[in-house]
């Protein structure tokens, strides 16, 4: 999902429907430039193994060749706990990303519909439920108007 037809790390993640929650939740997600560099380094390391194939996942676990959704959930839980973010989860990170994206999308010429598409939601109403409100921002916008 991260490699292009040449076998190199692409600028996008091509998330297929069967790798996401629903039958229409597949999407194309731009890949952050720093993550692209790290994935390219990881791919180069994996390619040193004579048994490696692009048909296999780049990221494996100690117990197998691929990760599961629960492995990702556990990874983020432990990562957040290690850095002192108690009570945080992969889902709270997703909510934070969506809220921050909603706050900044107009600065790059986008709309909330772009945030909806990044989140993989079929409805803008679903995306709205992820966006935290900010009473200080509400006060400032009233003062600006």
C-alpha atoms as a PDB file:
ATOM      1  CA  UNK A   1       0.000   0.000   0.000  1.00  0.00           C
ATOM      2  CA  UNK A   2       3.014   2.312   0.278  1.00  0.00           C
ATOM      3  CA  UNK A   3       5.029   1.223  -2.773  1.00  0.00           C
ATOM      4  CA  UNK A   4       4.572   2.412  -6.346  1.00  0.00           C
ATOM      5  CA  UNK A   5       4.787   0.226  -9.451  1.00  0.00           C
ATOM      6  CA  UNK A   6       8.598   0.591  -9.455  1.00  0.00           C
ATOM      7  CA  UNK A   7       8.810  -0.922  -5.977  1.00  0.00           C
ATOM      8  CA  UNK A   8       9.833   2.368  -4.367  1.00  0.00           C
ATOM      9  CA  UNK A   9       8.036   4.153  -1.533  1.00  0.00           C
ATOM     10  CA  UNK A  10       5.301   6.298  -3.097  1.00  0.00           C
ATOM     11  CA  UNK A  11       4.103   9.759  -2.089  1.00  0.00           C
ATOM     12  CA  UNK A  12       0.781   8.240  -1.035  1.00  0.00           C
ATOM     13  CA  UNK A  13      -0.690   5.364   0.902  1.00  0.00           C
ATOM     14  CA  UNK A  14      -3.133   3.530  -1.333  1.00  0.00           C
ATOM     15  CA  UNK A  15      -5.472   2.116   1.297  1.00  0.00           C
ATOM     16  CA  UNK A  16      -7.711  -0.473  -0.318  1.00  0.00           C
ATOM     17  CA  UNK A  17     -11.289  -1.139   0.764  1.00  0.00           C
ATOM     18  CA  UNK A  18     -10.386  -4.567   2.152  1.00  0.00           C
ATOM     19  CA  UNK A  19      -7.655  -3.033   4.346  1.00  0.00           C
ATOM     20  CA  UNK A  20     -10.030  -0.519   5.904  1.00  0.00           C
ATOM     21  CA  UNK A  21     -13.289  -0.720   7.812  1.00  0.00           C
ATOM     22  CA  UNK A  22     -15.919  -0.647   5.118  1.00  0.00           C
ATOM     23  CA  UNK A  23     -16.515  -1.512   1.542  1.00  0.00           C
ATOM     24  CA  UNK A  24     -16.176   2.145   0.472  1.00  0.00           C
ATOM     25  CA  UNK A  25     -13.645   3.392   3.034  1.00  0.00           C
ATOM     26  CA  UNK A  26     -10.553   2.784   0.920  1.00  0.00           C
ATOM     27  CA  UNK A  27      -8.751   5.982   0.049  1.00  0.00           C
ATOM     28  CA  UNK A  28      -5.537   7.614  -1.048  1.00  0.00           C
ATOM     29  CA  UNK A  29      -3.682   9.326   1.797  1.00  0.00           C
ATOM     30  CA  UNK A  30      -0.708  11.634   1.215  1.00  0.00           C
ATOM     31  CA  UNK A  31       2.404  10.287   2.913  1.00  0.00           C
ATOM     32  CA  UNK A  32       4.265  12.681   5.226  1.00  0.00           C
ATOM     33  CA  UNK A  33       7.729  13.376   3.803  1.00  0.00           C
ATOM     34  CA  UNK A  34       9.537  12.302   6.998  1.00  0.00           C
ATOM     35  CA  UNK A  35       7.567   9.058   7.144  1.00  0.00           C
ATOM     36  CA  UNK A  36       8.406   8.420   3.487  1.00  0.00           C
ATOM     37  CA  UNK A  37      12.126   8.702   4.283  1.00  0.00           C
ATOM     38  CA  UNK A  38      11.824   6.320   7.238  1.00  0.00           C
ATOM     39  CA  UNK A  39       9.827   3.804   5.201  1.00  0.00           C
ATOM     40  CA  UNK A  40      12.383   3.983   2.382  1.00  0.00           C
ATOM     41  CA  UNK A  41      15.149   3.242   4.899  1.00  0.00           C
ATOM     42  CA  UNK A  42      13.140   0.327   6.309  1.00  0.00           C
ATOM     43  CA  UNK A  43      12.446  -1.011   2.822  1.00  0.00           C
ATOM     44  CA  UNK A  44      16.152  -0.811   1.926  1.00  0.00           C
ATOM     45  CA  UNK A  45      16.974  -2.781   5.076  1.00  0.00           C
ATOM     46  CA  UNK A  46      14.325  -5.409   4.314  1.00  0.00           C
ATOM     47  CA  UNK A  47      15.576  -5.780   0.737  1.00  0.00           C
ATOM     48  CA  UNK A  48      18.917  -7.003   2.078  1.00  0.00           C
ATOM     49  CA  UNK A  49      17.101 -10.209   3.058  1.00  0.00           C
ATOM     50  CA  UNK A  50      17.187 -12.591   0.100  1.00  0.00           C
ATOM     51  CA  UNK A  51      13.723 -13.914   1.029  1.00  0.00           C
ATOM     52  CA  UNK A  52      12.061 -10.502   1.090  1.00  0.00           C
ATOM     53  CA  UNK A  53       9.441  -9.777  -1.555  1.00  0.00           C
ATOM     54  CA  UNK A  54       7.282  -6.728  -2.180  1.00  0.00           C
ATOM     55  CA  UNK A  55       4.343  -9.113  -1.952  1.00  0.00           C
ATOM     56  CA  UNK A  56       5.076  -9.266   1.784  1.00  0.00           C
ATOM     57  CA  UNK A  57       4.364  -6.432   4.229  1.00  0.00           C
ATOM     58  CA  UNK A  58       7.263  -4.089   4.961  1.00  0.00           C
ATOM     59  CA  UNK A  59       6.381  -3.951   8.653  1.00  0.00           C
ATOM     60  CA  UNK A  60       6.242  -7.279  10.461  1.00  0.00           C
ATOM     61  CA  UNK A  61       5.771  -8.275  14.079  1.00  0.00           C
ATOM     62  CA  UNK A  62       7.810 -10.608  16.248  1.00  0.00           C
ATOM     63  CA  UNK A  63       5.184 -13.302  15.722  1.00  0.00           C
ATOM     64  CA  UNK A  64       4.426 -13.003  12.041  1.00  0.00           C
ATOM     65  CA  UNK A  65       4.857 -11.301   8.710  1.00  0.00           C
ATOM     66  CA  UNK A  66       2.052  -8.784   9.123  1.00  0.00           C
ATOM     67  CA  UNK A  67       0.338  -6.697  11.741  1.00  0.00           C
ATOM     68  CA  UNK A  68      -3.277  -6.836  12.819  1.00  0.00           C
ATOM     69  CA  UNK A  69      -5.494  -3.926  13.867  1.00  0.00           C
ATOM     70  CA  UNK A  70      -5.108  -5.019  17.500  1.00  0.00           C
ATOM     71  CA  UNK A  71      -1.299  -4.948  17.196  1.00  0.00           C
ATOM     72  CA  UNK A  72      -1.521  -1.311  16.061  1.00  0.00           C
ATOM     73  CA  UNK A  73      -3.901  -0.448  18.917  1.00  0.00           C
ATOM     74  CA  UNK A  74      -1.519  -2.063  21.436  1.00  0.00           C
ATOM     75  CA  UNK A  75       1.496  -0.335  19.867  1.00  0.00           C
ATOM     76  CA  UNK A  76      -0.013   3.133  20.260  1.00  0.00           C
ATOM     77  CA  UNK A  77      -1.318   2.397  23.757  1.00  0.00           C
ATOM     78  CA  UNK A  78       2.157   1.350  24.902  1.00  0.00           C
ATOM     79  CA  UNK A  79       3.855   4.212  23.072  1.00  0.00           C
ATOM     80  CA  UNK A  80       1.574   6.818  24.639  1.00  0.00           C
ATOM     81  CA  UNK A  81       1.939   5.205  28.069  1.00  0.00           C
ATOM     82  CA  UNK A  82       5.753   5.219  27.767  1.00  0.00           C
ATOM     83  CA  UNK A  83       5.827   8.955  27.061  1.00  0.00           C
ATOM     84  CA  UNK A  84       3.389   9.709  29.879  1.00  0.00           C
ATOM     85  CA  UNK A  85       0.212  10.186  27.836  1.00  0.00           C
ATOM     86  CA  UNK A  86      -1.926   8.004  30.110  1.00  0.00           C
ATOM     87  CA  UNK A  87      -5.380   7.176  28.807  1.00  0.00           C
ATOM     88  CA  UNK A  88      -4.453   7.942  25.177  1.00  0.00           C
ATOM     89  CA  UNK A  89      -5.033   5.476  22.374  1.00  0.00           C
ATOM     90  CA  UNK A  90      -4.727   5.084  18.636  1.00  0.00           C
ATOM     91  CA  UNK A  91      -8.287   6.390  18.424  1.00  0.00           C
ATOM     92  CA  UNK A  92      -7.601   9.489  20.514  1.00  0.00           C
ATOM     93  CA  UNK A  93      -4.621  10.176  18.250  1.00  0.00           C
ATOM     94  CA  UNK A  94      -6.961   9.885  15.271  1.00  0.00           C
ATOM     95  CA  UNK A  95      -9.401  12.323  16.895  1.00  0.00           C
ATOM     96  CA  UNK A  96      -6.567  14.775  17.566  1.00  0.00           C
ATOM     97  CA  UNK A  97      -5.368  14.541  13.956  1.00  0.00           C
ATOM     98  CA  UNK A  98      -8.880  15.154  12.625  1.00  0.00           C
ATOM     99  CA  UNK A  99      -9.413  18.127  14.966  1.00  0.00           C
ATOM    100  CA  UNK A 100      -6.053  19.670  14.016  1.00  0.00           C
ATOM    101  CA  UNK A 101      -6.699  19.041  10.327  1.00  0.00           C
ATOM    102  CA  UNK A 102     -10.101  20.739  10.621  1.00  0.00           C
ATOM    103  CA  UNK A 103      -8.479  23.754  12.298  1.00  0.00           C
ATOM    104  CA  UNK A 104      -5.835  24.138   9.610  1.00  0.00           C
ATOM    105  CA  UNK A 105      -7.416  22.885   6.369  1.00  0.00           C
ATOM    106  CA  UNK A 106      -8.545  26.342   5.225  1.00  0.00           C
ATOM    107  CA  UNK A 107      -4.945  27.613   5.521  1.00  0.00           C
ATOM    108  CA  UNK A 108      -3.944  25.321   2.634  1.00  0.00           C
ATOM    109  CA  UNK A 109      -7.034  25.963   0.527  1.00  0.00           C
ATOM    110  CA  UNK A 110      -8.965  22.883   1.590  1.00  0.00           C
ATOM    111  CA  UNK A 111     -12.369  22.284   3.142  1.00  0.00           C
ATOM    112  CA  UNK A 112     -13.828  20.028   5.786  1.00  0.00           C
ATOM    113  CA  UNK A 113     -14.690  17.660   2.955  1.00  0.00           C
ATOM    114  CA  UNK A 114     -10.944  17.089   2.485  1.00  0.00           C
ATOM    115  CA  UNK A 115     -10.658  16.209   6.177  1.00  0.00           C
ATOM    116  CA  UNK A 116     -13.626  13.842   5.779  1.00  0.00           C
ATOM    117  CA  UNK A 117     -11.894  12.088   2.905  1.00  0.00           C
ATOM    118  CA  UNK A 118      -8.609  11.764   4.824  1.00  0.00           C
ATOM    119  CA  UNK A 119     -10.526  10.255   7.726  1.00  0.00           C
ATOM    120  CA  UNK A 120     -12.282   7.807   5.417  1.00  0.00           C
ATOM    121  CA  UNK A 121     -15.748   8.847   6.524  1.00  0.00           C
ATOM    122  CA  UNK A 122     -18.646   8.596   4.087  1.00  0.00           C
ATOM    123  CA  UNK A 123     -20.505  11.375   5.885  1.00  0.00           C
ATOM    124  CA  UNK A 124     -19.354  14.808   7.029  1.00  0.00           C
ATOM    125  CA  UNK A 125     -21.600  14.320  10.070  1.00  0.00           C
ATOM    126  CA  UNK A 126     -19.334  11.473  11.199  1.00  0.00           C
ATOM    127  CA  UNK A 127     -16.239  13.656  10.799  1.00  0.00           C
ATOM    128  CA  UNK A 128     -17.922  16.421  12.811  1.00  0.00           C
ATOM    129  CA  UNK A 129     -18.287  14.078  15.778  1.00  0.00           C
ATOM    130  CA  UNK A 130     -14.479  13.689  15.835  1.00  0.00           C
ATOM    131  CA  UNK A 131     -13.746  17.418  15.906  1.00  0.00           C
ATOM    132  CA  UNK A 132     -13.304  18.891  19.380  1.00  0.00           C
ATOM    133  CA  UNK A 133     -14.774  22.322  20.014  1.00  0.00           C
ATOM    134  CA  UNK A 134     -12.726  25.243  21.346  1.00  0.00           C
ATOM    135  CA  UNK A 135     -14.549  27.905  23.368  1.00  0.00           C
ATOM    136  CA  UNK A 136     -11.561  30.269  23.185  1.00  0.00           C
ATOM    137  CA  UNK A 137     -11.592  30.057  19.385  1.00  0.00           C
ATOM    138  CA  UNK A 138     -15.328  30.700  19.443  1.00  0.00           C
ATOM    139  CA  UNK A 139     -14.754  33.840  21.541  1.00  0.00           C
ATOM    140  CA  UNK A 140     -12.013  35.064  19.175  1.00  0.00           C
ATOM    141  CA  UNK A 141     -14.113  34.581  16.037  1.00  0.00           C
ATOM    142  CA  UNK A 142     -17.004  36.498  17.572  1.00  0.00           C
ATOM    143  CA  UNK A 143     -14.605  39.347  18.414  1.00  0.00           C
ATOM    144  CA  UNK A 144     -13.296  39.348  14.811  1.00  0.00           C
ATOM    145  CA  UNK A 145     -16.790  39.584  13.308  1.00  0.00           C
END
